[in-house]
Amino acid sequence: MMKAATRISRGAGIVVLAIVFALNGLASNRKSRVFNAQFEAVWTAAAEVAKDAFLTDQTSKEQGRLRFRSGPFRGYRFDVMIVEAGAGKTRVELELRTNLRGIEKDAWRNADRYLTLIAQRLQRGAK
């Protein structure tokens, strides 16, 4: 009788943890950076970086949106919104879309890499 109770409580605990992780993972996470550059320059750099260093899924310059993945296999999907943020400034907002909380840290390394590559491309263009 004791073994059955232990199995049931252990199984229930695993189910509860799985639900908690699933609900946490379904929530989206965001990161953003403001660049000291006009929308056109940031859009061009952002679209080129997504195309050159990642796998681009969708782009819409009119809406200031693009979507890319970090790779074909264990890839993470990012939705990007590019908006003017005042005089000569543009904000790039990244939203990580994944349902696995455990891989989130690795995914954000890819997001940081994306933002760094945009900054580098903008610096090259400014010189």
C-alpha atoms as a PDB file:
ATOM      1  CA  MET A   1       0.000   0.000   0.000  1.00  0.00           C
ATOM      2  CA  MET A   2       2.849   2.385   0.863  1.00  0.00           C
ATOM      3  CA  LYS A   3       4.596   1.791  -2.486  1.00  0.00           C
ATOM      4  CA  ALA A   4       1.413   2.664  -4.398  1.00  0.00           C
ATOM      5  CA  ALA A   5       0.953   5.892  -2.414  1.00  0.00           C
ATOM      6  CA  THR A   6       4.586   6.865  -3.057  1.00  0.00           C
ATOM      7  CA  ARG A   7       4.221   6.224  -6.790  1.00  0.00           C
ATOM      8  CA  ILE A   8       1.013   8.245  -6.971  1.00  0.00           C
ATOM      9  CA  SER A   9       2.470  11.215  -5.071  1.00  0.00           C
ATOM     10  CA  ARG A  10       5.696  11.093  -7.105  1.00  0.00           C
ATOM     11  CA  GLY A  11       3.686  10.889 -10.346  1.00  0.00           C
ATOM     12  CA  ALA A  12       1.462  13.781  -9.256  1.00  0.00           C
ATOM     13  CA  GLY A  13       4.548  15.834  -8.399  1.00  0.00           C
ATOM     14  CA  ILE A  14       6.017  15.229 -11.840  1.00  0.00           C
ATOM     15  CA  VAL A  15       2.740  16.254 -13.509  1.00  0.00           C
ATOM     16  CA  VAL A  16       2.555  19.461 -11.441  1.00  0.00           C
ATOM     17  CA  LEU A  17       6.159  20.357 -12.322  1.00  0.00           C
ATOM     18  CA  ALA A  18       5.511  19.675 -15.996  1.00  0.00           C
ATOM     19  CA  ILE A  19       2.480  21.982 -15.942  1.00  0.00           C
ATOM     20  CA  VAL A  20       4.418  24.745 -14.169  1.00  0.00           C
ATOM     21  CA  PHE A  21       7.306  24.531 -16.647  1.00  0.00           C
ATOM     22  CA  ALA A  22       4.918  24.450 -19.602  1.00  0.00           C
ATOM     23  CA  LEU A  23       3.007  27.510 -18.403  1.00  0.00           C
ATOM     24  CA  ASN A  24       6.221  29.422 -17.705  1.00  0.00           C
ATOM     25  CA  GLY A  25       7.638  28.494 -21.078  1.00  0.00           C
ATOM     26  CA  LEU A  26       4.549  29.512 -23.023  1.00  0.00           C
ATOM     27  CA  ALA A  27       4.875  33.049 -21.759  1.00  0.00           C
ATOM     28  CA  SER A  28       6.912  35.198 -24.067  1.00  0.00           C
ATOM     29  CA  ASN A  29      10.020  37.023 -22.980  1.00  0.00           C
ATOM     30  CA  ARG A  30      11.295  40.303 -24.346  1.00  0.00           C
ATOM     31  CA  LYS A  31      14.524  42.203 -24.725  1.00  0.00           C
ATOM     32  CA  SER A  32      15.111  45.550 -26.391  1.00  0.00           C
ATOM     33  CA  ARG A  33      17.827  48.022 -27.245  1.00  0.00           C
ATOM     34  CA  VAL A  34      17.722  51.618 -28.438  1.00  0.00           C
ATOM     35  CA  PHE A  35      20.166  52.555 -31.188  1.00  0.00           C
ATOM     36  CA  ASN A  36      21.320  56.078 -31.973  1.00  0.00           C
ATOM     37  CA  ALA A  37      20.391  55.796 -35.642  1.00  0.00           C
ATOM     38  CA  GLN A  38      17.450  56.479 -37.945  1.00  0.00           C
ATOM     39  CA  PHE A  39      14.819  53.817 -38.633  1.00  0.00           C
ATOM     40  CA  GLU A  40      16.087  53.169 -42.192  1.00  0.00           C
ATOM     41  CA  ALA A  41      19.644  52.404 -41.041  1.00  0.00           C
ATOM     42  CA  VAL A  42      18.486  50.186 -38.171  1.00  0.00           C
ATOM     43  CA  TRP A  43      15.962  48.355 -40.362  1.00  0.00           C
ATOM     44  CA  THR A  44      18.586  47.670 -43.017  1.00  0.00           C
ATOM     45  CA  ALA A  45      21.118  46.428 -40.451  1.00  0.00           C
ATOM     46  CA  ALA A  46      18.507  44.319 -38.622  1.00  0.00           C
ATOM     47  CA  ALA A  47      17.197  42.690 -41.798  1.00  0.00           C
ATOM     48  CA  GLU A  48      20.724  41.992 -43.100  1.00  0.00           C
ATOM     49  CA  VAL A  49      21.846  40.465 -39.790  1.00  0.00           C
ATOM     50  CA  ALA A  50      18.738  38.263 -39.665  1.00  0.00           C
ATOM     51  CA  LYS A  51      19.422  37.124 -43.234  1.00  0.00           C
ATOM     52  CA  ASP A  52      23.210  36.686 -42.906  1.00  0.00           C
ATOM     53  CA  ALA A  53      23.567  35.172 -39.431  1.00  0.00           C
ATOM     54  CA  PHE A  54      20.188  33.510 -38.820  1.00  0.00           C
ATOM     55  CA  LEU A  55      17.283  31.987 -40.769  1.00  0.00           C
ATOM     56  CA  THR A  56      14.766  34.662 -41.720  1.00  0.00           C
ATOM     57  CA  ASP A  57      11.125  33.547 -41.756  1.00  0.00           C
ATOM     58  CA  GLN A  58       9.224  36.802 -42.413  1.00  0.00           C
ATOM     59  CA  THR A  59       9.954  40.481 -42.970  1.00  0.00           C
ATOM     60  CA  SER A  60       7.690  43.507 -43.287  1.00  0.00           C
ATOM     61  CA  LYS A  61       9.464  46.847 -43.449  1.00  0.00           C
ATOM     62  CA  GLU A  62       6.102  48.642 -43.601  1.00  0.00           C
ATOM     63  CA  GLN A  63       5.126  47.164 -40.232  1.00  0.00           C
ATOM     64  CA  GLY A  64       8.684  47.265 -38.852  1.00  0.00           C
ATOM     65  CA  ARG A  65       8.503  43.536 -38.106  1.00  0.00           C
ATOM     66  CA  LEU A  66      10.579  40.501 -38.866  1.00  0.00           C
ATOM     67  CA  ARG A  67      10.838  36.949 -37.623  1.00  0.00           C
ATOM     68  CA  PHE A  68      13.910  34.742 -37.615  1.00  0.00           C
ATOM     69  CA  ARG A  69      15.163  31.486 -36.162  1.00  0.00           C
ATOM     70  CA  SER A  70      18.592  30.789 -34.749  1.00  0.00           C
ATOM     71  CA  GLY A  71      18.926  27.483 -36.600  1.00  0.00           C
ATOM     72  CA  PRO A  72      17.087  24.681 -38.374  1.00  0.00           C
ATOM     73  CA  PHE A  73      17.319  22.196 -35.563  1.00  0.00           C
ATOM     74  CA  ARG A  74      17.427  23.349 -31.966  1.00  0.00           C
ATOM     75  CA  GLY A  75      16.521  26.799 -33.252  1.00  0.00           C
ATOM     76  CA  TYR A  76      14.775  29.523 -31.333  1.00  0.00           C
ATOM     77  CA  ARG A  77      12.219  31.769 -32.945  1.00  0.00           C
ATOM     78  CA  PHE A  78      12.371  35.523 -32.407  1.00  0.00           C
ATOM     79  CA  ASP A  79       9.773  38.113 -33.348  1.00  0.00           C
ATOM     80  CA  VAL A  80      11.353  41.530 -33.871  1.00  0.00           C
ATOM     81  CA  MET A  81       9.678  44.918 -33.874  1.00  0.00           C
ATOM     82  CA  ILE A  82      11.622  48.000 -34.977  1.00  0.00           C
ATOM     83  CA  VAL A  83      10.151  51.380 -34.030  1.00  0.00           C
ATOM     84  CA  GLU A  84      11.258  54.996 -33.991  1.00  0.00           C
ATOM     85  CA  ALA A  85      12.076  56.077 -30.440  1.00  0.00           C
ATOM     86  CA  GLY A  86      12.514  59.827 -30.724  1.00  0.00           C
ATOM     87  CA  ALA A  87      14.863  62.138 -32.556  1.00  0.00           C
ATOM     88  CA  GLY A  88      17.478  60.016 -34.315  1.00  0.00           C
ATOM     89  CA  LYS A  89      16.782  56.926 -32.187  1.00  0.00           C
ATOM     90  CA  THR A  90      15.275  53.565 -33.040  1.00  0.00           C
ATOM     91  CA  ARG A  91      14.286  50.750 -30.690  1.00  0.00           C
ATOM     92  CA  VAL A  92      14.638  47.069 -31.600  1.00  0.00           C
ATOM     93  CA  GLU A  93      12.392  44.813 -29.532  1.00  0.00           C
ATOM     94  CA  LEU A  94      13.006  41.063 -29.542  1.00  0.00           C
ATOM     95  CA  GLU A  95      10.448  38.578 -28.329  1.00  0.00           C
ATOM     96  CA  LEU A  96      11.552  35.005 -27.749  1.00  0.00           C
ATOM     97  CA  ARG A  97       8.915  32.495 -28.764  1.00  0.00           C
ATOM     98  CA  THR A  98       9.536  29.064 -27.293  1.00  0.00           C
ATOM     99  CA  ASN A  99       7.673  26.581 -25.176  1.00  0.00           C
ATOM    100  CA  LEU A 100      10.691  25.087 -23.447  1.00  0.00           C
ATOM    101  CA  ARG A 101      11.840  27.132 -20.457  1.00  0.00           C
ATOM    102  CA  GLY A 102      15.019  25.086 -20.056  1.00  0.00           C
ATOM    103  CA  ILE A 103      16.519  26.289 -23.328  1.00  0.00           C
ATOM    104  CA  GLU A 104      15.704  29.940 -22.744  1.00  0.00           C
ATOM    105  CA  LYS A 105      19.163  30.939 -21.485  1.00  0.00           C
ATOM    106  CA  ASP A 106      20.821  29.600 -24.617  1.00  0.00           C
ATOM    107  CA  ALA A 107      18.185  31.300 -26.749  1.00  0.00           C
ATOM    108  CA  TRP A 108      18.910  34.698 -25.152  1.00  0.00           C
ATOM    109  CA  ARG A 109      22.582  34.286 -26.029  1.00  0.00           C
ATOM    110  CA  ASN A 110      21.406  34.229 -29.642  1.00  0.00           C
ATOM    111  CA  ALA A 111      19.284  37.335 -29.021  1.00  0.00           C
ATOM    112  CA  ASP A 112      22.288  39.158 -27.528  1.00  0.00           C
ATOM    113  CA  ARG A 113      24.366  38.104 -30.522  1.00  0.00           C
ATOM    114  CA  TYR A 114      21.703  39.504 -32.870  1.00  0.00           C
ATOM    115  CA  LEU A 115      21.632  42.900 -31.102  1.00  0.00           C
ATOM    116  CA  THR A 116      25.451  43.047 -31.027  1.00  0.00           C
ATOM    117  CA  LEU A 117      25.651  42.297 -34.752  1.00  0.00           C
ATOM    118  CA  ILE A 118      23.176  45.117 -35.493  1.00  0.00           C
ATOM    119  CA  ALA A 119      25.315  47.536 -33.437  1.00  0.00           C
ATOM    120  CA  GLN A 120      28.482  46.427 -35.247  1.00  0.00           C
ATOM    121  CA  ARG A 121      26.863  46.831 -38.643  1.00  0.00           C
ATOM    122  CA  LEU A 122      25.592  50.303 -37.728  1.00  0.00           C
ATOM    123  CA  GLN A 123      29.089  51.319 -36.529  1.00  0.00           C
ATOM    124  CA  ARG A 124      30.611  50.143 -39.797  1.00  0.00           C
ATOM    125  CA  GLY A 125      28.036  52.111 -41.774  1.00  0.00           C
ATOM    126  CA  ALA A 126      28.647  55.286 -39.741  1.00  0.00           C
ATOM    127  CA  LYS A 127      32.369  55.365 -40.560  1.00  0.00           C
END
